[in-house]
Protein backbone atom coordinates (compact mmCIF):
# COMPACT_ATOMS: atom_id res chain seq x y z
CA MET A 1 0.00 0.00 0.00
CA LYS A 2 2.86 2.38 0.84
CA ILE A 3 4.52 1.76 -2.53
CA THR A 4 1.24 2.42 -4.33
CA GLU A 5 0.77 5.62 -2.34
CA LEU A 6 4.29 6.83 -3.24
CA ARG A 7 3.80 5.98 -6.93
CA LEU A 8 0.46 7.81 -7.06
CA ARG A 9 1.99 10.84 -5.34
CA LYS A 10 4.80 10.83 -7.95
CA LEU A 11 2.29 10.55 -10.81
CA PHE A 12 0.19 13.44 -9.53
CA SER A 13 3.27 15.62 -8.98
CA ALA A 14 4.29 14.92 -12.62
CA LYS A 15 0.84 16.08 -13.75
CA THR A 16 1.09 19.26 -11.67
CA LYS A 17 4.52 20.05 -13.16
CA ALA A 18 3.17 19.46 -16.66
CA ASP A 19 0.24 21.79 -16.08
CA SER A 20 2.49 24.55 -14.77
CA THR A 21 5.20 24.35 -17.49
CA GLY A 22 3.04 23.52 -20.49
CA SER A 23 5.98 21.97 -22.35
CA GLN A 24 5.43 19.14 -24.82
CA TYR A 25 7.57 16.74 -22.72
CA SER A 26 5.66 17.59 -19.54
CA THR A 27 2.34 17.08 -21.31
CA ALA A 28 3.48 13.62 -22.47
CA VAL A 29 4.50 12.72 -18.91
CA ALA A 30 1.13 13.91 -17.62
CA SER A 31 -0.68 11.86 -20.25
CA LYS A 32 1.25 8.75 -19.23
CA ALA A 33 0.45 9.49 -15.60
CA GLU A 34 -3.27 9.78 -16.32
CA LYS A 35 -3.22 6.42 -18.14
CA ARG A 36 -1.41 4.76 -15.23
CA VAL A 37 -3.83 6.23 -12.70
CA GLY A 38 -6.73 4.91 -14.80
CA ILE A 39 -5.23 1.41 -14.91
CA ILE A 40 -4.56 1.45 -11.16
CA GLY A 41 -8.13 2.59 -10.55
CA GLN A 42 -9.47 -0.31 -12.62
CA HIS A 43 -7.43 -2.77 -10.57
CA LEU A 44 -8.62 -1.30 -7.31
CA THR A 45 -12.30 -1.36 -8.24
CA ALA A 46 -12.33 -4.70 -10.12
CA PRO A 47 -14.40 -7.44 -8.41
CA LEU A 48 -12.60 -10.51 -7.14
CA GLU A 49 -13.18 -13.17 -9.79
CA GLY A 50 -14.30 -16.48 -8.38
CA PHE A 51 -15.10 -14.91 -5.00
CA PRO A 52 -18.41 -13.10 -5.38
CA ALA A 53 -19.85 -11.68 -2.16
CA LYS A 54 -17.06 -13.15 0.01
CA ALA A 55 -15.31 -11.14 2.68
CA PRO A 56 -11.52 -10.96 2.46
CA GLN A 57 -9.81 -13.79 4.33
CA VAL A 58 -7.28 -13.13 7.08
CA GLN A 59 -3.97 -14.68 6.08
CA ALA A 60 -2.55 -17.41 8.28
CA ARG A 61 0.35 -16.34 10.48
CA THR A 62 3.87 -17.47 9.75
CA ARG A 63 5.24 -16.41 13.16
CA PRO A 64 3.89 -16.06 16.69
CA PRO A 65 1.68 -13.01 17.22
CA ILE A 66 3.92 -11.63 20.02
CA THR A 67 7.67 -11.31 19.48
CA THR A 68 10.53 -9.40 21.10
CA HIS A 69 14.23 -8.68 20.94
CA VAL A 70 16.76 -6.91 23.17
CA LEU A 71 19.33 -4.35 22.06
CA ASP A 72 22.16 -3.34 24.40
CA VAL A 73 22.46 0.38 23.62
CA SER A 74 25.53 0.81 25.87
CA ARG A 75 27.47 -1.62 23.68
CA GLY A 76 25.70 -0.88 20.43
CA SER A 77 24.88 -4.53 19.82
CA PRO A 78 22.16 -7.14 20.32
CA ALA A 79 21.91 -8.54 23.86
CA ALA A 80 22.41 -12.31 23.72
CA GLY A 81 21.61 -14.73 26.54
CA ILE A 82 18.80 -12.83 28.28
CA GLU A 83 16.01 -15.00 29.68
CA VAL A 84 12.56 -13.87 28.51
CA ARG A 85 9.10 -14.84 29.82
CA LEU A 86 5.71 -14.11 28.30
CA GLU A 87 2.69 -14.24 30.62
CA MET A 88 -1.00 -13.47 30.24
CA TRP A 89 -3.32 -12.19 32.96
CA LYS A 90 -5.97 -14.83 33.71
CA SER A 91 -7.85 -14.19 36.92
CA SER A 92 -11.35 -13.59 38.24
CA GLN A 93 -10.28 -9.94 38.32
CA PRO A 94 -10.61 -8.67 34.70
CA ARG A 95 -7.19 -7.01 34.71
CA PRO A 96 -4.29 -6.34 37.05
CA SER A 97 -4.55 -3.04 38.88
CA PHE A 98 -1.71 -0.66 39.51
CA GLY A 99 -0.59 -0.77 43.11
CA GLU A 100 -2.53 -3.90 44.06
CA THR A 101 -1.14 -7.38 44.64
CA ASP A 102 -1.47 -9.47 41.52
CA ILE A 103 -0.26 -12.81 42.86
CA GLY A 104 -1.76 -15.79 41.08
CA GLY A 105 -3.18 -13.93 38.10
CA TRP A 106 -0.30 -14.33 35.65
CA VAL A 107 -0.10 -17.53 33.59
CA LEU A 108 3.08 -18.44 31.74
CA GLU A 109 2.59 -18.57 27.96
CA GLY A 110 6.22 -19.34 27.13
CA CYS A 111 9.85 -18.62 27.83
CA SER A 112 13.04 -18.38 25.83
CA THR A 113 16.55 -16.92 25.79
CA THR A 114 17.73 -14.27 23.34
CA ASP A 115 20.05 -15.48 20.58
CA ARG A 116 23.18 -13.74 19.26
CA ASP A 117 20.93 -11.31 17.33
CA GLY A 118 19.11 -10.39 20.56
CA ARG A 119 15.91 -12.08 19.38
CA SER A 120 13.99 -14.39 21.64
CA GLY A 121 12.84 -17.78 20.49
CA GLN A 122 9.18 -18.59 20.11
CA LEU A 123 7.33 -17.40 23.23
CA MET A 124 3.93 -18.74 22.22
CA SER A 125 2.27 -20.93 19.64
CA ILE A 126 1.45 -19.64 16.20
CA VAL A 127 -2.28 -18.93 16.34
CA ASP A 128 -4.52 -17.13 13.86
CA ALA A 129 -6.38 -15.08 16.48
CA LEU A 130 -4.65 -13.85 19.60
CA SER A 131 -6.62 -13.93 22.86
CA PRO A 132 -7.43 -10.36 23.88
CA GLY A 133 -6.19 -9.39 27.33
CA VAL A 134 -3.27 -8.09 29.34
CA TYR A 135 0.18 -9.55 28.67
CA ARG A 136 3.54 -9.17 30.40
CA ILE A 137 6.99 -9.75 28.94
CA SER A 138 9.75 -10.00 31.57
CA PHE A 139 13.49 -9.92 30.91
CA ASN A 140 16.14 -11.23 33.35
CA THR A 141 18.39 -8.19 32.92
CA GLY A 142 20.19 -8.70 36.25
CA LYS A 143 21.77 -11.93 35.08
CA TYR A 144 22.85 -10.28 31.81
CA ASN A 145 24.14 -7.12 33.48
CA PRO A 146 24.99 -7.96 37.15
CA GLY A 147 26.36 -4.46 37.87
CA GLY A 148 23.28 -2.76 36.42
CA PHE A 149 20.43 -1.02 38.21
CA PHE A 150 17.56 -3.28 37.07
CA PRO A 151 17.40 -6.89 38.36
CA TYR A 152 14.64 -7.51 35.81
CA VAL A 153 12.39 -5.51 33.49
CA SER A 154 8.69 -6.23 32.94
CA ILE A 155 6.61 -4.65 30.20
CA VAL A 156 2.84 -4.91 30.59
CA PHE A 157 0.59 -4.22 27.59
CA GLU A 158 -3.01 -4.82 26.56
CA ILE A 159 -4.35 -6.37 23.38
CA LYS A 160 -7.93 -5.42 22.55
CA ASP A 161 -10.48 -7.62 20.77
CA THR A 162 -10.15 -5.49 17.61
CA GLN A 163 -6.38 -6.21 17.55
CA LYS A 164 -6.43 -10.01 17.83
CA PHE A 165 -5.22 -10.51 14.23
CA GLU A 166 -2.35 -8.02 14.51
CA HIS A 167 1.31 -8.73 15.22
CA PHE A 168 2.86 -7.28 18.39
CA HIS A 169 6.61 -6.78 18.48
CA VAL A 170 7.72 -5.44 21.87
CA PRO A 171 11.48 -4.74 21.86
CA LEU A 172 13.63 -3.73 24.83
CA LEU A 173 16.41 -1.16 24.49
CA LEU A 174 18.69 -1.71 27.46
CA SER A 175 21.70 -0.16 29.18
CA PRO A 176 22.98 -0.77 32.73
CA PHE A 177 21.05 2.22 34.10
CA SER A 178 18.11 2.73 31.75
CA PHE A 179 15.69 0.97 29.44
CA SER A 180 13.10 1.89 26.86
CA THR A 181 10.51 0.08 24.80
CA TYR A 182 7.99 0.69 22.05
CA ARG A 183 5.50 -1.20 19.93
CA GLY A 184 7.45 -2.29 16.89
CA SER A 185 6.32 -3.82 13.64
């Protein structure tokens, strides 16, 4: 989709340049652009042959829906050998609450150790639809960096029902005295 967007933007900018200069070359470029836009429009609006009135299918996953990796920003390299755990909140309480004891609510989904590229192995099964809920990825940073400030790092995030077909990549950027994370792609 991004490539198509960039190509369309380029085609429309060529048309704008042609209109402003009025040269014969620019007019030819604009004419080509209009033909291409017409062809693209036909492809986008064409019905799916052999699939009348069917909703688009969700493609099967080729990797687990939750993945992670660790980068050691103090060394400028991947962090190998860090133990990683993925847990999901499953309790009578709908979600863990900040500041309250959450003993017994977390259920282990899987564990792994980061490889030489800082990537963890498979933390959960490959499933088409992810169970909505609250998840926690924990990293044994104290074992990796014994002189560091953090004995371990836990990242808690929520997956909503509308996101169950998405992929969640939750990386950890680590140094002995700080860490950061984000939702990757």
